[in-house]
Amino acid sequence: MKLIAVALFVFCSSANAASFYTGNDLLRFMQSGELTDRVLALGYVMGALDMGDRAHFCTATTQVTGGQARDIVKQYLEQNPSIRHEVADIILIGLFKRLWPCPARGTAM
């Protein structure tokens, strides 16, 4: 829980918080030797999970952790350089939709 609080603080106090991060930015944060950059990346991924879960994708049956989601995103960005110039949240939502699709509306979850 402390790590999440630190990530949110760093994310919100970052000078670049008002701008949109690209996949290149997110991968750079993930690969950084600076703890604050890596925590920012984890917070960004966890924020995307929280924001989109049940609206765009459904993680309820997977029990995925923030660390696992970060690892998945990092590997995806490393393996797909052609999309890294795109806005990071669009990349993440698209990836999470493919990984954790929601059941059809009207069916039990």
PDB file of N, CA and C in Angstrom:
ATOM      1  N   MET A   1       0.827  -1.183   0.000  1.00  0.00           N
ATOM      2  CA  MET A   1       0.000   0.000   0.000  1.00  0.00           C
ATOM      3  C   MET A   1       0.872   1.247   0.000  1.00  0.00           C
ATOM      4  N   LYS A   2       1.995   1.194   0.726  1.00  0.00           N
ATOM      5  CA  LYS A   2       2.902   2.332   0.761  1.00  0.00           C
ATOM      6  C   LYS A   2       3.436   2.636  -0.631  1.00  0.00           C
ATOM      7  N   LEU A   3       3.762   1.578  -1.379  1.00  0.00           N
ATOM      8  CA  LEU A   3       4.294   1.742  -2.726  1.00  0.00           C
ATOM      9  C   LEU A   3       3.282   2.439  -3.626  1.00  0.00           C
ATOM     10  N   ILE A   4       2.020   2.094  -3.487  1.00  0.00           N
ATOM     11  CA  ILE A   4       0.975   2.728  -4.289  1.00  0.00           C
ATOM     12  C   ILE A   4       0.886   4.212  -3.943  1.00  0.00           C
ATOM     13  N   ALA A   5       0.940   4.531  -2.666  1.00  0.00           N
ATOM     14  CA  ALA A   5       0.871   5.934  -2.249  1.00  0.00           C
ATOM     15  C   ALA A   5       2.046   6.721  -2.796  1.00  0.00           C
ATOM     16  N   VAL A   6       3.246   6.132  -2.733  1.00  0.00           N
ATOM     17  CA  VAL A   6       4.428   6.794  -3.278  1.00  0.00           C
ATOM     18  C   VAL A   6       4.283   6.984  -4.779  1.00  0.00           C
ATOM     19  N   ALA A   7       3.788   5.953  -5.473  1.00  0.00           N
ATOM     20  CA  ALA A   7       3.614   6.042  -6.923  1.00  0.00           C
ATOM     21  C   ALA A   7       2.644   7.159  -7.287  1.00  0.00           C
ATOM     22  N   LEU A   8       1.539   7.243  -6.571  1.00  0.00           N
ATOM     23  CA  LEU A   8       0.568   8.293  -6.846  1.00  0.00           C
ATOM     24  C   LEU A   8       1.139   9.670  -6.560  1.00  0.00           C
ATOM     25  N   PHE A   9       1.896   9.795  -5.480  1.00  0.00           N
ATOM     26  CA  PHE A   9       2.520  11.077  -5.160  1.00  0.00           C
ATOM     27  C   PHE A   9       3.499  11.482  -6.252  1.00  0.00           C
ATOM     28  N   VAL A  10       4.354  10.561  -6.657  1.00  0.00           N
ATOM     29  CA  VAL A  10       5.336  10.864  -7.693  1.00  0.00           C
ATOM     30  C   VAL A  10       4.628  11.211  -8.994  1.00  0.00           C
ATOM     31  N   PHE A  11       3.612  10.434  -9.336  1.00  0.00           N
ATOM     32  CA  PHE A  11       2.879  10.679 -10.580  1.00  0.00           C
ATOM     33  C   PHE A  11       2.229  12.056 -10.553  1.00  0.00           C
ATOM     34  N   CYS A  12       1.585  12.396  -9.462  1.00  0.00           N
ATOM     35  CA  CYS A  12       0.867  13.667  -9.390  1.00  0.00           C
ATOM     36  C   CYS A  12       1.801  14.860  -9.272  1.00  0.00           C
ATOM     37  N   SER A  13       2.967  14.675  -8.686  1.00  0.00           N
ATOM     38  CA  SER A  13       3.880  15.799  -8.506  1.00  0.00           C
ATOM     39  C   SER A  13       4.890  15.928  -9.637  1.00  0.00           C
ATOM     40  N   SER A  14       4.859  15.002 -10.565  1.00  0.00           N
ATOM     41  CA  SER A  14       5.784  15.038 -11.696  1.00  0.00           C
ATOM     42  C   SER A  14       5.525  16.266 -12.551  1.00  0.00           C
ATOM     43  N   ALA A  15       6.591  16.872 -13.052  1.00  0.00           N
ATOM     44  CA  ALA A  15       6.456  18.040 -13.921  1.00  0.00           C
ATOM     45  C   ALA A  15       5.742  17.680 -15.215  1.00  0.00           C
ATOM     46  N   ASN A  16       5.812  16.424 -15.622  1.00  0.00           N
ATOM     47  CA  ASN A  16       5.197  15.987 -16.868  1.00  0.00           C
ATOM     48  C   ASN A  16       3.803  15.419 -16.676  1.00  0.00           C
ATOM     49  N   ALA A  17       3.272  15.516 -15.483  1.00  0.00           N
ATOM     50  CA  ALA A  17       1.981  14.875 -15.201  1.00  0.00           C
ATOM     51  C   ALA A  17       0.852  15.433 -16.062  1.00  0.00           C
ATOM     52  N   ALA A  18       0.970  16.669 -16.487  1.00  0.00           N
ATOM     53  CA  ALA A  18      -0.105  17.274 -17.284  1.00  0.00           C
ATOM     54  C   ALA A  18      -0.050  16.843 -18.746  1.00  0.00           C
ATOM     55  N   SER A  19       1.082  16.333 -19.182  1.00  0.00           N
ATOM     56  CA  SER A  19       1.204  15.912 -20.573  1.00  0.00           C
ATOM     57  C   SER A  19       0.871  14.432 -20.699  1.00  0.00           C
ATOM     58  N   PHE A  20       0.670  14.013 -21.932  1.00  0.00           N
ATOM     59  CA  PHE A  20       0.355  12.617 -22.172  1.00  0.00           C
ATOM     60  C   PHE A  20       1.647  11.827 -22.334  1.00  0.00           C
ATOM     61  N   TYR A  21       1.725  10.697 -21.651  1.00  0.00           N
ATOM     62  CA  TYR A  21       2.877   9.815 -21.809  1.00  0.00           C
ATOM     63  C   TYR A  21       2.654   8.928 -23.017  1.00  0.00           C
ATOM     64  N   THR A  22       3.722   8.648 -23.726  1.00  0.00           N
ATOM     65  CA  THR A  22       3.670   7.698 -24.832  1.00  0.00           C
ATOM     66  C   THR A  22       4.178   6.355 -24.327  1.00  0.00           C
ATOM     67  N   GLY A  23       4.055   5.349 -25.171  1.00  0.00           N
ATOM     68  CA  GLY A  23       4.632   4.055 -24.848  1.00  0.00           C
ATOM     69  C   GLY A  23       6.137   4.154 -24.663  1.00  0.00           C
ATOM     70  N   ASN A  24       6.792   5.022 -25.448  1.00  0.00           N
ATOM     71  CA  ASN A  24       8.233   5.232 -25.292  1.00  0.00           C
ATOM     72  C   ASN A  24       8.560   5.779 -23.903  1.00  0.00           C
ATOM     73  N   ASP A  25       7.762   6.744 -23.441  1.00  0.00           N
ATOM     74  CA  ASP A  25       7.974   7.310 -22.104  1.00  0.00           C
ATOM     75  C   ASP A  25       7.802   6.235 -21.039  1.00  0.00           C
ATOM     76  N   LEU A  26       6.725   5.475 -21.150  1.00  0.00           N
ATOM     77  CA  LEU A  26       6.436   4.459 -20.145  1.00  0.00           C
ATOM     78  C   LEU A  26       7.534   3.398 -20.106  1.00  0.00           C
ATOM     79  N   LEU A  27       7.988   2.953 -21.253  1.00  0.00           N
ATOM     80  CA  LEU A  27       9.060   1.962 -21.279  1.00  0.00           C
ATOM     81  C   LEU A  27      10.352   2.544 -20.702  1.00  0.00           C
ATOM     82  N   ARG A  28      10.626   3.803 -21.004  1.00  0.00           N
ATOM     83  CA  ARG A  28      11.827   4.440 -20.450  1.00  0.00           C
ATOM     84  C   ARG A  28      11.747   4.469 -18.924  1.00  0.00           C
ATOM     85  N   PHE A  29      10.570   4.788 -18.377  1.00  0.00           N
ATOM     86  CA  PHE A  29      10.408   4.774 -16.923  1.00  0.00           C
ATOM     87  C   PHE A  29      10.606   3.372 -16.365  1.00  0.00           C
ATOM     88  N   MET A  30      10.084   2.370 -17.062  1.00  0.00           N
ATOM     89  CA  MET A  30      10.196   0.989 -16.595  1.00  0.00           C
ATOM     90  C   MET A  30      11.632   0.487 -16.603  1.00  0.00           C
ATOM     91  N   GLN A  31      12.435   0.962 -17.531  1.00  0.00           N
ATOM     92  CA  GLN A  31      13.813   0.506 -17.685  1.00  0.00           C
ATOM     93  C   GLN A  31      14.808   1.368 -16.925  1.00  0.00           C
ATOM     94  N   SER A  32      14.339   2.409 -16.303  1.00  0.00           N
ATOM     95  CA  SER A  32      15.207   3.370 -15.629  1.00  0.00           C
ATOM     96  C   SER A  32      15.910   2.757 -14.422  1.00  0.00           C
ATOM     97  N   GLY A  33      17.065   3.284 -14.126  1.00  0.00           N
ATOM     98  CA  GLY A  33      17.775   2.906 -12.914  1.00  0.00           C
ATOM     99  C   GLY A  33      17.275   3.665 -11.696  1.00  0.00           C
ATOM    100  N   GLU A  34      16.419   4.655 -11.927  1.00  0.00           N
ATOM    101  CA  GLU A  34      15.872   5.470 -10.836  1.00  0.00           C
ATOM    102  C   GLU A  34      14.607   4.831 -10.268  1.00  0.00           C
ATOM    103  N   LEU A  35      14.593   4.653  -8.972  1.00  0.00           N
ATOM    104  CA  LEU A  35      13.432   4.053  -8.306  1.00  0.00           C
ATOM    105  C   LEU A  35      12.174   4.880  -8.558  1.00  0.00           C
ATOM    106  N   THR A  36      12.277   6.201  -8.519  1.00  0.00           N
ATOM    107  CA  THR A  36      11.085   7.029  -8.711  1.00  0.00           C
ATOM    108  C   THR A  36      10.473   6.810 -10.096  1.00  0.00           C
ATOM    109  N   ASP A  37      11.307   6.611 -11.120  1.00  0.00           N
ATOM    110  CA  ASP A  37      10.788   6.341 -12.464  1.00  0.00           C
ATOM    111  C   ASP A  37      10.064   5.004 -12.517  1.00  0.00           C
ATOM    112  N   ARG A  38      10.656   3.987 -11.902  1.00  0.00           N
ATOM    113  CA  ARG A  38      10.037   2.662 -11.921  1.00  0.00           C
ATOM    114  C   ARG A  38       8.737   2.642 -11.118  1.00  0.00           C
ATOM    115  N   VAL A  39       8.691   3.385 -10.015  1.00  0.00           N
ATOM    116  CA  VAL A  39       7.476   3.481  -9.215  1.00  0.00           C
ATOM    117  C   VAL A  39       6.409   4.238 -10.003  1.00  0.00           C
ATOM    118  N   LEU A  40       6.797   5.291 -10.710  1.00  0.00           N
ATOM    119  CA  LEU A  40       5.857   6.028 -11.544  1.00  0.00           C
ATOM    120  C   LEU A  40       5.244   5.103 -12.584  1.00  0.00           C
ATOM    121  N   ALA A  41       6.065   4.278 -13.216  1.00  0.00           N
ATOM    122  CA  ALA A  41       5.570   3.341 -14.231  1.00  0.00           C
ATOM    123  C   ALA A  41       4.589   2.337 -13.618  1.00  0.00           C
ATOM    124  N   LEU A  42       4.919   1.815 -12.452  1.00  0.00           N
ATOM    125  CA  LEU A  42       4.017   0.880 -11.778  1.00  0.00           C
ATOM    126  C   LEU A  42       2.693   1.564 -11.449  1.00  0.00           C
ATOM    127  N   GLY A  43       2.763   2.779 -10.943  1.00  0.00           N
ATOM    128  CA  GLY A  43       1.548   3.528 -10.626  1.00  0.00           C
ATOM    129  C   GLY A  43       0.705   3.808 -11.856  1.00  0.00           C
ATOM    130  N   TYR A  44       1.366   4.091 -12.970  1.00  0.00           N
ATOM    131  CA  TYR A  44       0.645   4.357 -14.216  1.00  0.00           C
ATOM    132  C   TYR A  44      -0.106   3.107 -14.669  1.00  0.00           C
ATOM    133  N   VAL A  45       0.569   1.967 -14.638  1.00  0.00           N
ATOM    134  CA  VAL A  45      -0.057   0.706 -15.051  1.00  0.00           C
ATOM    135  C   VAL A  45      -1.213   0.358 -14.119  1.00  0.00           C
ATOM    136  N   MET A  46      -0.999   0.509 -12.814  1.00  0.00           N
ATOM    137  CA  MET A  46      -2.061   0.193 -11.856  1.00  0.00           C
ATOM    138  C   MET A  46      -3.231   1.156 -12.008  1.00  0.00           C
ATOM    139  N   GLY A  47      -2.955   2.415 -12.323  1.00  0.00           N
ATOM    140  CA  GLY A  47      -4.020   3.373 -12.567  1.00  0.00           C
ATOM    141  C   GLY A  47      -4.849   2.987 -13.779  1.00  0.00           C
ATOM    142  N   ALA A  48      -4.171   2.527 -14.830  1.00  0.00           N
ATOM    143  CA  ALA A  48      -4.886   2.079 -16.033  1.00  0.00           C
ATOM    144  C   ALA A  48      -5.742   0.855 -15.716  1.00  0.00           C
ATOM    145  N   LEU A  49      -5.224  -0.046 -14.891  1.00  0.00           N
ATOM    146  CA  LEU A  49      -6.005  -1.216 -14.480  1.00  0.00           C
ATOM    147  C   LEU A  49      -7.250  -0.786 -13.709  1.00  0.00           C
ATOM    148  N   ASP A  50      -7.060   0.100 -12.740  1.00  0.00           N
ATOM    149  CA  ASP A  50      -8.186   0.562 -11.928  1.00  0.00           C
ATOM    150  C   ASP A  50      -9.206   1.312 -12.766  1.00  0.00           C
ATOM    151  N   MET A  51      -8.733   2.157 -13.661  1.00  0.00           N
ATOM    152  CA  MET A  51      -9.616   2.988 -14.462  1.00  0.00           C
ATOM    153  C   MET A  51     -10.447   2.164 -15.436  1.00  0.00           C
ATOM    154  N   GLY A  52      -9.844   1.183 -16.066  1.00  0.00           N
ATOM    155  CA  GLY A  52     -10.530   0.462 -17.133  1.00  0.00           C
ATOM    156  C   GLY A  52     -11.213  -0.823 -16.750  1.00  0.00           C
ATOM    157  N   ASP A  53     -10.923  -1.338 -15.551  1.00  0.00           N
ATOM    158  CA  ASP A  53     -11.492  -2.628 -15.165  1.00  0.00           C
ATOM    159  C   ASP A  53     -13.006  -2.537 -15.066  1.00  0.00           C
ATOM    160  N   ARG A  54     -13.665  -3.467 -15.691  1.00  0.00           N
ATOM    161  CA  ARG A  54     -15.121  -3.603 -15.792  1.00  0.00           C
ATOM    162  C   ARG A  54     -15.758  -2.612 -16.758  1.00  0.00           C
ATOM    163  N   ALA A  55     -14.996  -1.626 -17.229  1.00  0.00           N
ATOM    164  CA  ALA A  55     -15.516  -0.702 -18.242  1.00  0.00           C
ATOM    165  C   ALA A  55     -15.008  -1.105 -19.620  1.00  0.00           C
ATOM    166  N   HIS A  56     -13.720  -1.451 -19.679  1.00  0.00           N
ATOM    167  CA  HIS A  56     -13.102  -1.811 -20.960  1.00  0.00           C
ATOM    168  C   HIS A  56     -12.613  -3.261 -20.989  1.00  0.00           C
ATOM    169  N   PHE A  57     -12.288  -3.786 -19.842  1.00  0.00           N
ATOM    170  CA  PHE A  57     -11.783  -5.154 -19.714  1.00  0.00           C
ATOM    171  C   PHE A  57     -12.164  -5.654 -18.334  1.00  0.00           C
ATOM    172  N   CYS A  58     -11.998  -6.965 -18.093  1.00  0.00           N
ATOM    173  CA  CYS A  58     -12.438  -7.547 -16.824  1.00  0.00           C
ATOM    174  C   CYS A  58     -11.360  -8.468 -16.259  1.00  0.00           C
ATOM    175  N   THR A  59     -10.734  -8.027 -15.179  1.00  0.00           N
ATOM    176  CA  THR A  59      -9.683  -8.827 -14.552  1.00  0.00           C
ATOM    177  C   THR A  59     -10.188  -9.677 -13.397  1.00  0.00           C
ATOM    178  N   ALA A  60     -11.473  -9.640 -13.115  1.00  0.00           N
ATOM    179  CA  ALA A  60     -12.027 -10.278 -11.914  1.00  0.00           C
ATOM    180  C   ALA A  60     -11.635 -11.740 -11.763  1.00  0.00           C
ATOM    181  N   THR A  61     -11.563 -12.476 -12.835  1.00  0.00           N
ATOM    182  CA  THR A  61     -11.265 -13.905 -12.722  1.00  0.00           C
ATOM    183  C   THR A  61      -9.766 -14.200 -12.772  1.00  0.00           C
ATOM    184  N   THR A  62      -8.933 -13.202 -13.009  1.00  0.00           N
ATOM    185  CA  THR A  62      -7.503 -13.463 -13.178  1.00  0.00           C
ATOM    186  C   THR A  62      -6.676 -13.241 -11.926  1.00  0.00           C
ATOM    187  N   GLN A  63      -7.122 -12.355 -11.034  1.00  0.00           N
ATOM    188  CA  GLN A  63      -6.357 -12.013  -9.835  1.00  0.00           C
ATOM    189  C   GLN A  63      -4.958 -11.500 -10.180  1.00  0.00           C
ATOM    190  N   VAL A  64      -4.840 -10.736 -11.261  1.00  0.00           N
ATOM    191  CA  VAL A  64      -3.557 -10.202 -11.681  1.00  0.00           C
ATOM    192  C   VAL A  64      -3.097  -9.137 -10.683  1.00  0.00           C
ATOM    193  N   THR A  65      -1.809  -9.134 -10.382  1.00  0.00           N
ATOM    194  CA  THR A  65      -1.246  -8.124  -9.485  1.00  0.00           C
ATOM    195  C   THR A  65      -0.715  -6.960 -10.309  1.00  0.00           C
ATOM    196  N   GLY A  66      -0.472  -5.844  -9.639  1.00  0.00           N
ATOM    197  CA  GLY A  66       0.113  -4.695 -10.313  1.00  0.00           C
ATOM    198  C   GLY A  66       1.476  -5.020 -10.905  1.00  0.00           C
ATOM    199  N   GLY A  67       2.273  -5.769 -10.176  1.00  0.00           N
ATOM    200  CA  GLY A  67       3.598  -6.161 -10.665  1.00  0.00           C
ATOM    201  C   GLY A  67       3.521  -7.047 -11.898  1.00  0.00           C
ATOM    202  N   GLN A  68       2.571  -7.959 -11.891  1.00  0.00           N
ATOM    203  CA  GLN A  68       2.396  -8.815 -13.076  1.00  0.00           C
ATOM    204  C   GLN A  68       1.948  -7.990 -14.277  1.00  0.00           C
ATOM    205  N   ALA A  69       1.008  -7.079 -14.050  1.00  0.00           N
ATOM    206  CA  ALA A  69       0.537  -6.230 -15.148  1.00  0.00           C
ATOM    207  C   ALA A  69       1.682  -5.370 -15.686  1.00  0.00           C
ATOM    208  N   ARG A  70       2.508  -4.831 -14.793  1.00  0.00           N
ATOM    209  CA  ARG A  70       3.671  -4.043 -15.222  1.00  0.00           C
ATOM    210  C   ARG A  70       4.601  -4.892 -16.082  1.00  0.00           C
ATOM    211  N   ASP A  71       4.869  -6.109 -15.659  1.00  0.00           N
ATOM    212  CA  ASP A  71       5.752  -6.997 -16.426  1.00  0.00           C
ATOM    213  C   ASP A  71       5.176  -7.294 -17.807  1.00  0.00           C
ATOM    214  N   ILE A  72       3.873  -7.514 -17.866  1.00  0.00           N
ATOM    215  CA  ILE A  72       3.200  -7.784 -19.137  1.00  0.00           C
ATOM    216  C   ILE A  72       3.329  -6.578 -20.064  1.00  0.00           C
ATOM    217  N   VAL A  73       3.075  -5.389 -19.513  1.00  0.00           N
ATOM    218  CA  VAL A  73       3.158  -4.158 -20.310  1.00  0.00           C
ATOM    219  C   VAL A  73       4.583  -3.931 -20.790  1.00  0.00           C
ATOM    220  N   LYS A  74       5.544  -4.118 -19.917  1.00  0.00           N
ATOM    221  CA  LYS A  74       6.958  -3.912 -20.289  1.00  0.00           C
ATOM    222  C   LYS A  74       7.342  -4.841 -21.437  1.00  0.00           C
ATOM    223  N   GLN A  75       7.006  -6.115 -21.312  1.00  0.00           N
ATOM    224  CA  GLN A  75       7.328  -7.076 -22.361  1.00  0.00           C
ATOM    225  C   GLN A  75       6.629  -6.702 -23.670  1.00  0.00           C
ATOM    226  N   TYR A  76       5.381  -6.287 -23.590  1.00  0.00           N
ATOM    227  CA  TYR A  76       4.625  -5.904 -24.785  1.00  0.00           C
ATOM    228  C   TYR A  76       5.273  -4.698 -25.466  1.00  0.00           C
ATOM    229  N   LEU A  77       5.653  -3.701 -24.689  1.00  0.00           N
ATOM    230  CA  LEU A  77       6.292  -2.515 -25.262  1.00  0.00           C
ATOM    231  C   LEU A  77       7.646  -2.854 -25.883  1.00  0.00           C
ATOM    232  N   GLU A  78       8.404  -3.711 -25.230  1.00  0.00           N
ATOM    233  CA  GLU A  78       9.700  -4.115 -25.777  1.00  0.00           C
ATOM    234  C   GLU A  78       9.543  -4.862 -27.093  1.00  0.00           C
ATOM    235  N   GLN A  79       8.499  -5.671 -27.204  1.00  0.00           N
ATOM    236  CA  GLN A  79       8.292  -6.497 -28.395  1.00  0.00           C
ATOM    237  C   GLN A  79       7.530  -5.791 -29.518  1.00  0.00           C
ATOM    238  N   ASN A  80       7.021  -4.597 -29.257  1.00  0.00           N
ATOM    239  CA  ASN A  80       6.221  -3.879 -30.253  1.00  0.00           C
ATOM    240  C   ASN A  80       6.682  -2.426 -30.394  1.00  0.00           C
ATOM    241  N   PRO A  81       7.880  -2.213 -30.886  1.00  0.00           N
ATOM    242  CA  PRO A  81       8.389  -0.838 -30.998  1.00  0.00           C
ATOM    243  C   PRO A  81       7.581   0.031 -31.959  1.00  0.00           C
ATOM    244  N   SER A  82       6.870  -0.563 -32.886  1.00  0.00           N
ATOM    245  CA  SER A  82       6.140   0.225 -33.881  1.00  0.00           C
ATOM    246  C   SER A  82       4.944   0.983 -33.295  1.00  0.00           C
ATOM    247  N   ILE A  83       4.499   0.625 -32.101  1.00  0.00           N
ATOM    248  CA  ILE A  83       3.347   1.296 -31.503  1.00  0.00           C
ATOM    249  C   ILE A  83       3.731   2.187 -30.323  1.00  0.00           C
ATOM    250  N   ARG A  84       4.999   2.201 -29.964  1.00  0.00           N
ATOM    251  CA  ARG A  84       5.418   2.922 -28.758  1.00  0.00           C
ATOM    252  C   ARG A  84       5.264   4.432 -28.844  1.00  0.00           C
ATOM    253  N   HIS A  85       5.111   4.982 -30.022  1.00  0.00           N
ATOM    254  CA  HIS A  85       4.912   6.431 -30.153  1.00  0.00           C
ATOM    255  C   HIS A  85       3.485   6.837 -29.779  1.00  0.00           C
ATOM    256  N   GLU A  86       2.602   5.879 -29.664  1.00  0.00           N
ATOM    257  CA  GLU A  86       1.203   6.166 -29.340  1.00  0.00           C
ATOM    258  C   GLU A  86       1.051   6.499 -27.860  1.00  0.00           C
ATOM    259  N   VAL A  87      -0.080   7.106 -27.514  1.00  0.00           N
ATOM    260  CA  VAL A  87      -0.360   7.476 -26.127  1.00  0.00           C
ATOM    261  C   VAL A  87      -0.436   6.204 -25.278  1.00  0.00           C
ATOM    262  N   ALA A  88       0.247   6.225 -24.136  1.00  0.00           N
ATOM    263  CA  ALA A  88       0.390   5.026 -23.313  1.00  0.00           C
ATOM    264  C   ALA A  88      -0.939   4.458 -22.831  1.00  0.00           C
ATOM    265  N   ASP A  89      -1.887   5.308 -22.432  1.00  0.00           N
ATOM    266  CA  ASP A  89      -3.137   4.745 -21.911  1.00  0.00           C
ATOM    267  C   ASP A  89      -3.918   4.010 -22.991  1.00  0.00           C
ATOM    268  N   ILE A  90      -3.839   4.471 -24.229  1.00  0.00           N
ATOM    269  CA  ILE A  90      -4.508   3.777 -25.334  1.00  0.00           C
ATOM    270  C   ILE A  90      -3.850   2.416 -25.572  1.00  0.00           C
ATOM    271  N   ILE A  91      -2.527   2.379 -25.496  1.00  0.00           N
ATOM    272  CA  ILE A  91      -1.804   1.113 -25.655  1.00  0.00           C
ATOM    273  C   ILE A  91      -2.230   0.130 -24.566  1.00  0.00           C
ATOM    274  N   LEU A  92      -2.240   0.600 -23.315  1.00  0.00           N
ATOM    275  CA  LEU A  92      -2.563  -0.279 -22.201  1.00  0.00           C
ATOM    276  C   LEU A  92      -4.000  -0.780 -22.260  1.00  0.00           C
ATOM    277  N   ILE A  93      -4.948   0.102 -22.543  1.00  0.00           N
ATOM    278  CA  ILE A  93      -6.349  -0.325 -22.606  1.00  0.00           C
ATOM    279  C   ILE A  93      -6.530  -1.376 -23.701  1.00  0.00           C
ATOM    280  N   GLY A  94      -5.916  -1.146 -24.864  1.00  0.00           N
ATOM    281  CA  GLY A  94      -6.016  -2.117 -25.954  1.00  0.00           C
ATOM    282  C   GLY A  94      -5.419  -3.462 -25.573  1.00  0.00           C
ATOM    283  N   LEU A  95      -4.259  -3.439 -24.935  1.00  0.00           N
ATOM    284  CA  LEU A  95      -3.608  -4.675 -24.493  1.00  0.00           C
ATOM    285  C   LEU A  95      -4.470  -5.397 -23.466  1.00  0.00           C
ATOM    286  N   PHE A  96      -4.952  -4.663 -22.470  1.00  0.00           N
ATOM    287  CA  PHE A  96      -5.753  -5.283 -21.422  1.00  0.00           C
ATOM    288  C   PHE A  96      -7.066  -5.841 -21.966  1.00  0.00           C
ATOM    289  N   LYS A  97      -7.649  -5.176 -22.959  1.00  0.00           N
ATOM    290  CA  LYS A  97      -8.878  -5.697 -23.581  1.00  0.00           C
ATOM    291  C   LYS A  97      -8.626  -7.051 -24.230  1.00  0.00           C
ATOM    292  N   ARG A  98      -7.479  -7.191 -24.884  1.00  0.00           N
ATOM    293  CA  ARG A  98      -7.149  -8.472 -25.532  1.00  0.00           C
ATOM    294  C   ARG A  98      -6.855  -9.551 -24.498  1.00  0.00           C
ATOM    295  N   LEU A  99      -6.198  -9.175 -23.407  1.00  0.00           N
ATOM    296  CA  LEU A  99      -5.831 -10.154 -22.387  1.00  0.00           C
ATOM    297  C   LEU A  99      -7.009 -10.577 -21.515  1.00  0.00           C
ATOM    298  N   TRP A 100      -7.854  -9.611 -21.160  1.00  0.00           N
ATOM    299  CA  TRP A 100      -8.929  -9.867 -20.209  1.00  0.00           C
ATOM    300  C   TRP A 100     -10.259  -9.338 -20.738  1.00  0.00           C
ATOM    301  N   PRO A 101     -10.797  -9.957 -21.771  1.00  0.00           N
ATOM    302  CA  PRO A 101     -12.077  -9.492 -22.302  1.00  0.00           C
ATOM    303  C   PRO A 101     -13.192  -9.720 -21.274  1.00  0.00           C
ATOM    304  N   CYS A 102     -14.166  -8.857 -21.326  1.00  0.00           N
ATOM    305  CA  CYS A 102     -15.340  -9.001 -20.447  1.00  0.00           C
ATOM    306  C   CYS A 102     -16.305  -9.998 -21.077  1.00  0.00           C
ATOM    307  N   PRO A 103     -17.053 -10.719 -20.236  1.00  0.00           N
ATOM    308  CA  PRO A 103     -18.075 -11.599 -20.790  1.00  0.00           C
ATOM    309  C   PRO A 103     -19.147 -10.753 -21.482  1.00  0.00           C
ATOM    310  N   ALA A 104     -19.859 -11.376 -22.371  1.00  0.00           N
ATOM    311  CA  ALA A 104     -20.924 -10.676 -23.084  1.00  0.00           C
ATOM    312  C   ALA A 104     -21.927 -10.128 -22.072  1.00  0.00           C
ATOM    313  N   ARG A 105     -22.469  -8.976 -22.361  1.00  0.00           N
ATOM    314  CA  ARG A 105     -23.472  -8.376 -21.466  1.00  0.00           C
ATOM    315  C   ARG A 105     -24.657  -9.333 -21.320  1.00  0.00           C
ATOM    316  N   GLY A 106     -25.180  -9.387 -20.118  1.00  0.00           N
ATOM    317  CA  GLY A 106     -26.322 -10.253 -19.852  1.00  0.00           C
ATOM    318  C   GLY A 106     -25.927 -11.639 -19.377  1.00  0.00           C
ATOM    319  N   THR A 107     -24.604 -11.919 -19.305  1.00  0.00           N
ATOM    320  CA  THR A 107     -24.158 -13.220 -18.791  1.00  0.00           C
ATOM    321  C   THR A 107     -23.563 -13.023 -17.414  1.00  0.00           C
ATOM    322  N   ALA A 108     -23.566 -14.054 -16.622  1.00  0.00           N
ATOM    323  CA  ALA A 108     -23.007 -13.977 -15.273  1.00  0.00           C
ATOM    324  C   ALA A 108     -21.497 -13.856 -15.361  1.00  0.00           C
ATOM    325  N   MET A 109     -20.925 -13.100 -14.443  1.00  0.00           N
ATOM    326  CA  MET A 109     -19.493 -12.907 -14.430  1.00  0.00           C
ATOM    327  C   MET A 109     -18.800 -13.905 -13.575  1.00  0.00           C
TER     328      MET A 109
END
